[in-house]
Amino acid sequence: IALLVCLAPTTIGALLSSIGIAGMSRLNKA
């Protein structure tokens, strides 16, 4: 299980949503 978590693309999977929300937030700040 630990090996699966290490090898799966969890880094971008964890951050994907925040990237999109933050992009919209930067636009709102402008």
PDB file of all heavy atoms in Angstrom:
ATOM      1  N   ILE A   1       0.844  -1.204   0.000  1.00  0.00           N
ATOM      2  CA  ILE A   1       0.000   0.000   0.000  1.00  0.00           C
ATOM      3  C   ILE A   1       0.877   1.252   0.000  1.00  0.00           C
ATOM      4  O   ILE A   1       0.642   2.207  -0.754  1.00  0.00           O
ATOM      5  CB  ILE A   1      -0.945   0.000   1.222  1.00  0.00           C
ATOM      6  CG1 ILE A   1      -1.983  -1.112   1.086  1.00  0.00           C
ATOM      7  CG2 ILE A   1      -1.633   1.362   1.368  1.00  0.00           C
ATOM      8  CD1 ILE A   1      -2.823  -1.322   2.337  1.00  0.00           C
ATOM      9  N   ALA A   2       1.916   1.243   0.849  1.00  0.00           N
ATOM     10  CA  ALA A   2       2.836   2.382   0.914  1.00  0.00           C
ATOM     11  C   ALA A   2       3.554   2.572  -0.423  1.00  0.00           C
ATOM     12  O   ALA A   2       3.739   3.702  -0.891  1.00  0.00           O
ATOM     13  CB  ALA A   2       3.844   2.177   2.033  1.00  0.00           C
ATOM     14  N   LEU A   3       3.945   1.441  -1.038  1.00  0.00           N
ATOM     15  CA  LEU A   3       4.620   1.509  -2.330  1.00  0.00           C
ATOM     16  C   LEU A   3       3.702   2.105  -3.396  1.00  0.00           C
ATOM     17  O   LEU A   3       4.124   2.948  -4.199  1.00  0.00           O
ATOM     18  CB  LEU A   3       5.068   0.102  -2.749  1.00  0.00           C
ATOM     19  CG  LEU A   3       5.771  -0.019  -4.106  1.00  0.00           C
ATOM     20  CD1 LEU A   3       7.080   0.752  -4.095  1.00  0.00           C
ATOM     21  CD2 LEU A   3       6.007  -1.486  -4.455  1.00  0.00           C
ATOM     22  N   LEU A   4       2.443   1.707  -3.400  1.00  0.00           N
ATOM     23  CA  LEU A   4       1.470   2.235  -4.359  1.00  0.00           C
ATOM     24  C   LEU A   4       1.326   3.752  -4.209  1.00  0.00           C
ATOM     25  O   LEU A   4       1.329   4.482  -5.200  1.00  0.00           O
ATOM     26  CB  LEU A   4       0.112   1.562  -4.151  1.00  0.00           C
ATOM     27  CG  LEU A   4      -1.081   2.175  -4.902  1.00  0.00           C
ATOM     28  CD1 LEU A   4      -0.869   2.083  -6.412  1.00  0.00           C
ATOM     29  CD2 LEU A   4      -2.381   1.483  -4.494  1.00  0.00           C
ATOM     30  N   VAL A   5       1.236   4.215  -2.969  1.00  0.00           N
ATOM     31  CA  VAL A   5       1.095   5.657  -2.718  1.00  0.00           C
ATOM     32  C   VAL A   5       2.329   6.408  -3.191  1.00  0.00           C
ATOM     33  O   VAL A   5       2.236   7.515  -3.740  1.00  0.00           O
ATOM     34  CB  VAL A   5       0.830   5.917  -1.220  1.00  0.00           C
ATOM     35  CG1 VAL A   5       0.885   7.412  -0.901  1.00  0.00           C
ATOM     36  CG2 VAL A   5      -0.519   5.339  -0.815  1.00  0.00           C
ATOM     37  N   CYS A   6       3.497   5.807  -3.000  1.00  0.00           N
ATOM     38  CA  CYS A   6       4.746   6.458  -3.430  1.00  0.00           C
ATOM     39  C   CYS A   6       4.856   6.557  -4.943  1.00  0.00           C
ATOM     40  O   CYS A   6       5.370   7.546  -5.478  1.00  0.00           O
ATOM     41  CB  CYS A   6       5.949   5.691  -2.881  1.00  0.00           C
ATOM     42  SG  CYS A   6       6.199   5.900  -1.119  1.00  0.00           S
ATOM     43  N   LEU A   7       4.403   5.515  -5.636  1.00  0.00           N
ATOM     44  CA  LEU A   7       4.585   5.473  -7.083  1.00  0.00           C
ATOM     45  C   LEU A   7       3.457   6.153  -7.856  1.00  0.00           C
ATOM     46  O   LEU A   7       3.649   6.583  -8.988  1.00  0.00           O
ATOM     47  CB  LEU A   7       4.731   4.019  -7.547  1.00  0.00           C
ATOM     48  CG  LEU A   7       5.923   3.255  -6.958  1.00  0.00           C
ATOM     49  CD1 LEU A   7       6.012   1.868  -7.576  1.00  0.00           C
ATOM     50  CD2 LEU A   7       7.218   4.018  -7.186  1.00  0.00           C
ATOM     51  N   ALA A   8       2.279   6.248  -7.277  1.00  0.00           N
ATOM     52  CA  ALA A   8       1.170   6.939  -7.947  1.00  0.00           C
ATOM     53  C   ALA A   8       1.455   8.447  -7.959  1.00  0.00           C
ATOM     54  O   ALA A   8       2.185   8.961  -7.110  1.00  0.00           O
ATOM     55  CB  ALA A   8      -0.136   6.656  -7.211  1.00  0.00           C
ATOM     56  N   PRO A   9       0.876   9.167  -8.923  1.00  0.00           N
ATOM     57  CA  PRO A   9       1.141  10.618  -9.031  1.00  0.00           C
ATOM     58  C   PRO A   9       0.379  11.414  -7.974  1.00  0.00           C
ATOM     59  O   PRO A   9      -0.469  12.256  -8.275  1.00  0.00           O
ATOM     60  CB  PRO A   9       0.666  10.941 -10.450  1.00  0.00           C
ATOM     61  CG  PRO A   9      -0.395   9.936 -10.740  1.00  0.00           C
ATOM     62  CD  PRO A   9       0.031   8.682 -10.038  1.00  0.00           C
ATOM     63  N   THR A  10       0.680  11.123  -6.702  1.00  0.00           N
ATOM     64  CA  THR A  10      -0.060  11.762  -5.611  1.00  0.00           C
ATOM     65  C   THR A  10       0.306  13.239  -5.442  1.00  0.00           C
ATOM     66  O   THR A  10      -0.516  14.026  -4.967  1.00  0.00           O
ATOM     67  CB  THR A  10       0.199  11.023  -4.290  1.00  0.00           C
ATOM     68  OG1 THR A  10       1.614  10.871  -4.109  1.00  0.00           O
ATOM     69  CG2 THR A  10      -0.457   9.666  -4.298  1.00  0.00           C
ATOM     70  N   THR A  11       1.517  13.628  -5.806  1.00  0.00           N
ATOM     71  CA  THR A  11       1.936  15.028  -5.609  1.00  0.00           C
ATOM     72  C   THR A  11       1.066  15.972  -6.409  1.00  0.00           C
ATOM     73  O   THR A  11       0.454  16.901  -5.864  1.00  0.00           O
ATOM     74  CB  THR A  11       3.419  15.208  -5.998  1.00  0.00           C
ATOM     75  OG1 THR A  11       4.215  14.274  -5.285  1.00  0.00           O
ATOM     76  CG2 THR A  11       3.882  16.623  -5.667  1.00  0.00           C
ATOM     77  N   ILE A  12       0.980  15.748  -7.713  1.00  0.00           N
ATOM     78  CA  ILE A  12       0.143  16.627  -8.545  1.00  0.00           C
ATOM     79  C   ILE A  12      -1.332  16.350  -8.278  1.00  0.00           C
ATOM     80  O   ILE A  12      -2.171  17.259  -8.346  1.00  0.00           O
ATOM     81  CB  ILE A  12       0.481  16.454 -10.049  1.00  0.00           C
ATOM     82  CG1 ILE A  12      -0.291  17.485 -10.890  1.00  0.00           C
ATOM     83  CG2 ILE A  12       0.210  15.048 -10.526  1.00  0.00           C
ATOM     84  CD1 ILE A  12       0.019  18.926 -10.570  1.00  0.00           C
ATOM     85  N   GLY A  13      -1.662  15.105  -7.934  1.00  0.00           N
ATOM     86  CA  GLY A  13      -3.050  14.786  -7.594  1.00  0.00           C
ATOM     87  C   GLY A  13      -3.529  15.579  -6.388  1.00  0.00           C
ATOM     88  O   GLY A  13      -4.675  16.021  -6.330  1.00  0.00           O
ATOM     89  N   ALA A  14      -2.634  15.766  -5.409  1.00  0.00           N
ATOM     90  CA  ALA A  14      -2.979  16.512  -4.204  1.00  0.00           C
ATOM     91  C   ALA A  14      -3.093  18.004  -4.461  1.00  0.00           C
ATOM     92  O   ALA A  14      -3.866  18.701  -3.802  1.00  0.00           O
ATOM     93  CB  ALA A  14      -1.932  16.254  -3.124  1.00  0.00           C
ATOM     94  N   LEU A  15      -2.329  18.514  -5.433  1.00  0.00           N
ATOM     95  CA  LEU A  15      -2.245  19.966  -5.653  1.00  0.00           C
ATOM     96  C   LEU A  15      -3.067  20.458  -6.838  1.00  0.00           C
ATOM     97  O   LEU A  15      -3.214  21.674  -7.020  1.00  0.00           O
ATOM     98  CB  LEU A  15      -0.781  20.367  -5.861  1.00  0.00           C
ATOM     99  CG  LEU A  15       0.169  20.076  -4.696  1.00  0.00           C
ATOM    100  CD1 LEU A  15       1.608  20.356  -5.107  1.00  0.00           C
ATOM    101  CD2 LEU A  15      -0.198  20.899  -3.472  1.00  0.00           C
ATOM    102  N   LEU A  16      -3.591  19.553  -7.642  1.00  0.00           N
ATOM    103  CA  LEU A  16      -4.263  19.937  -8.886  1.00  0.00           C
ATOM    104  C   LEU A  16      -5.417  20.909  -8.643  1.00  0.00           C
ATOM    105  O   LEU A  16      -5.546  21.933  -9.312  1.00  0.00           O
ATOM    106  CB  LEU A  16      -4.768  18.684  -9.611  1.00  0.00           C
ATOM    107  CG  LEU A  16      -5.388  18.910 -10.993  1.00  0.00           C
ATOM    108  CD1 LEU A  16      -4.376  19.537 -11.938  1.00  0.00           C
ATOM    109  CD2 LEU A  16      -5.894  17.589 -11.568  1.00  0.00           C
ATOM    110  N   SER A  17      -6.259  20.595  -7.685  1.00  0.00           N
ATOM    111  CA  SER A  17      -7.417  21.444  -7.410  1.00  0.00           C
ATOM    112  C   SER A  17      -6.994  22.815  -6.900  1.00  0.00           C
ATOM    113  O   SER A  17      -7.536  23.846  -7.308  1.00  0.00           O
ATOM    114  CB  SER A  17      -8.341  20.768  -6.403  1.00  0.00           C
ATOM    115  OG  SER A  17      -9.484  21.555  -6.163  1.00  0.00           O
ATOM    116  N   SER A  18      -6.003  22.842  -6.006  1.00  0.00           N
ATOM    117  CA  SER A  18      -5.562  24.117  -5.426  1.00  0.00           C
ATOM    118  C   SER A  18      -4.948  25.026  -6.483  1.00  0.00           C
ATOM    119  O   SER A  18      -5.068  26.252  -6.403  1.00  0.00           O
ATOM    120  CB  SER A  18      -4.563  23.877  -4.295  1.00  0.00           C
ATOM    121  OG  SER A  18      -3.367  23.313  -4.779  1.00  0.00           O
ATOM    122  N   ILE A  19      -4.294  24.437  -7.483  1.00  0.00           N
ATOM    123  CA  ILE A  19      -3.699  25.244  -8.560  1.00  0.00           C
ATOM    124  C   ILE A  19      -4.784  25.996  -9.305  1.00  0.00           C
ATOM    125  O   ILE A  19      -4.666  27.195  -9.589  1.00  0.00           O
ATOM    126  CB  ILE A  19      -2.892  24.350  -9.527  1.00  0.00           C
ATOM    127  CG1 ILE A  19      -1.667  23.772  -8.831  1.00  0.00           C
ATOM    128  CG2 ILE A  19      -2.460  25.146 -10.765  1.00  0.00           C
ATOM    129  CD1 ILE A  19      -0.964  22.688  -9.620  1.00  0.00           C
ATOM    130  N   GLY A  20      -5.879  25.286  -9.660  1.00  0.00           N
ATOM    131  CA  GLY A  20      -6.982  25.922 -10.382  1.00  0.00           C
ATOM    132  C   GLY A  20      -7.676  26.985  -9.561  1.00  0.00           C
ATOM    133  O   GLY A  20      -7.974  28.079 -10.049  1.00  0.00           O
ATOM    134  N   ILE A  21      -7.925  26.692  -8.277  1.00  0.00           N
ATOM    135  CA  ILE A  21      -8.601  27.654  -7.405  1.00  0.00           C
ATOM    136  C   ILE A  21      -7.727  28.885  -7.208  1.00  0.00           C
ATOM    137  O   ILE A  21      -8.207  30.019  -7.230  1.00  0.00           O
ATOM    138  CB  ILE A  21      -8.939  27.010  -6.042  1.00  0.00           C
ATOM    139  CG1 ILE A  21      -9.946  25.876  -6.236  1.00  0.00           C
ATOM    140  CG2 ILE A  21      -9.504  28.038  -5.072  1.00  0.00           C
ATOM    141  CD1 ILE A  21     -10.170  25.032  -4.996  1.00  0.00           C
ATOM    142  N   ALA A  22      -6.417  28.667  -7.004  1.00  0.00           N
ATOM    143  CA  ALA A  22      -5.498  29.789  -6.796  1.00  0.00           C
ATOM    144  C   ALA A  22      -5.400  30.665  -8.043  1.00  0.00           C
ATOM    145  O   ALA A  22      -5.273  31.886  -7.937  1.00  0.00           O
ATOM    146  CB  ALA A  22      -4.117  29.267  -6.413  1.00  0.00           C
ATOM    147  N   GLY A  23      -5.452  30.043  -9.234  1.00  0.00           N
ATOM    148  CA  GLY A  23      -5.420  30.817 -10.473  1.00  0.00           C
ATOM    149  C   GLY A  23      -6.613  31.743 -10.567  1.00  0.00           C
ATOM    150  O   GLY A  23      -6.493  32.917 -10.936  1.00  0.00           O
ATOM    151  N   MET A  24      -7.793  31.231 -10.206  1.00  0.00           N
ATOM    152  CA  MET A  24      -8.998  32.061 -10.213  1.00  0.00           C
ATOM    153  C   MET A  24      -8.905  33.153  -9.148  1.00  0.00           C
ATOM    154  O   MET A  24      -9.354  34.280  -9.340  1.00  0.00           O
ATOM    155  CB  MET A  24     -10.230  31.192  -9.994  1.00  0.00           C
ATOM    156  CG  MET A  24     -11.544  31.916 -10.170  1.00  0.00           C
ATOM    157  SD  MET A  24     -12.955  30.782 -10.258  1.00  0.00           S
ATOM    158  CE  MET A  24     -12.770  30.144 -11.922  1.00  0.00           C
ATOM    159  N   SER A  25      -8.287  32.814  -8.016  1.00  0.00           N
ATOM    160  CA  SER A  25      -8.120  33.791  -6.940  1.00  0.00           C
ATOM    161  C   SER A  25      -7.207  34.928  -7.382  1.00  0.00           C
ATOM    162  O   SER A  25      -7.461  36.091  -7.066  1.00  0.00           O
ATOM    163  CB  SER A  25      -7.546  33.104  -5.695  1.00  0.00           C
ATOM    164  OG  SER A  25      -7.347  34.033  -4.656  1.00  0.00           O
ATOM    165  N   ARG A  26      -6.129  34.603  -8.110  1.00  0.00           N
ATOM    166  CA  ARG A  26      -5.224  35.655  -8.613  1.00  0.00           C
ATOM    167  C   ARG A  26      -5.959  36.575  -9.563  1.00  0.00           C
ATOM    168  O   ARG A  26      -5.729  37.790  -9.581  1.00  0.00           O
ATOM    169  CB  ARG A  26      -4.011  35.022  -9.307  1.00  0.00           C
ATOM    170  CG  ARG A  26      -2.973  34.477  -8.364  1.00  0.00           C
ATOM    171  CD  ARG A  26      -1.658  34.195  -9.067  1.00  0.00           C
ATOM    172  NE  ARG A  26      -1.764  33.118 -10.029  1.00  0.00           N
ATOM    173  CZ  ARG A  26      -1.645  31.823  -9.729  1.00  0.00           C
ATOM    174  NH1 ARG A  26      -1.426  31.460  -8.478  1.00  0.00           N
ATOM    175  NH2 ARG A  26      -1.740  30.899 -10.660  1.00  0.00           N
ATOM    176  N   LEU A  27      -6.850  36.010 -10.356  1.00  0.00           N
ATOM    177  CA  LEU A  27      -7.637  36.827 -11.270  1.00  0.00           C
ATOM    178  C   LEU A  27      -8.590  37.729 -10.485  1.00  0.00           C
ATOM    179  O   LEU A  27      -8.771  38.906 -10.817  1.00  0.00           O
ATOM    180  CB  LEU A  27      -8.426  35.920 -12.224  1.00  0.00           C
ATOM    181  CG  LEU A  27      -8.889  36.554 -13.538  1.00  0.00           C
ATOM    182  CD1 LEU A  27      -7.702  36.951 -14.396  1.00  0.00           C
ATOM    183  CD2 LEU A  27      -9.779  35.592 -14.307  1.00  0.00           C
ATOM    184  N   ASN A  28      -9.187  37.187  -9.430  1.00  0.00           N
ATOM    185  CA  ASN A  28     -10.081  37.991  -8.595  1.00  0.00           C
ATOM    186  C   ASN A  28      -9.336  39.144  -7.931  1.00  0.00           C
ATOM    187  O   ASN A  28      -9.863  40.239  -7.795  1.00  0.00           O
ATOM    188  CB  ASN A  28     -10.732  37.114  -7.515  1.00  0.00           C
ATOM    189  CG  ASN A  28     -11.721  36.128  -8.100  1.00  0.00           C
ATOM    190  OD1 ASN A  28     -12.293  36.369  -9.158  1.00  0.00           O
ATOM    191  ND2 ASN A  28     -11.919  35.009  -7.431  1.00  0.00           N
ATOM    192  N   LYS A  29      -8.084  38.879  -7.512  1.00  0.00           N
ATOM    193  CA  LYS A  29      -7.282  39.943  -6.901  1.00  0.00           C
ATOM    194  C   LYS A  29      -6.976  41.051  -7.896  1.00  0.00           C
ATOM    195  O   LYS A  29      -6.775  42.203  -7.511  1.00  0.00           O
ATOM    196  CB  LYS A  29      -5.974  39.357  -6.354  1.00  0.00           C
ATOM    197  CG  LYS A  29      -6.147  38.592  -5.052  1.00  0.00           C
ATOM    198  CD  LYS A  29      -4.818  38.116  -4.527  1.00  0.00           C
ATOM    199  CE  LYS A  29      -4.990  37.375  -3.204  1.00  0.00           C
ATOM    200  NZ  LYS A  29      -3.695  36.868  -2.675  1.00  0.00           N
ATOM    201  N   ALA A  30      -6.926  40.692  -9.161  1.00  0.00           N
ATOM    202  CA  ALA A  30      -6.723  41.699 -10.208  1.00  0.00           C
ATOM    203  C   ALA A  30      -8.030  42.394 -10.565  1.00  0.00           C
ATOM    204  O   ALA A  30      -8.094  43.175 -11.507  1.00  0.00           O
ATOM    205  CB  ALA A  30      -6.120  41.040 -11.454  1.00  0.00           C
TER     206      ALA A  30
END
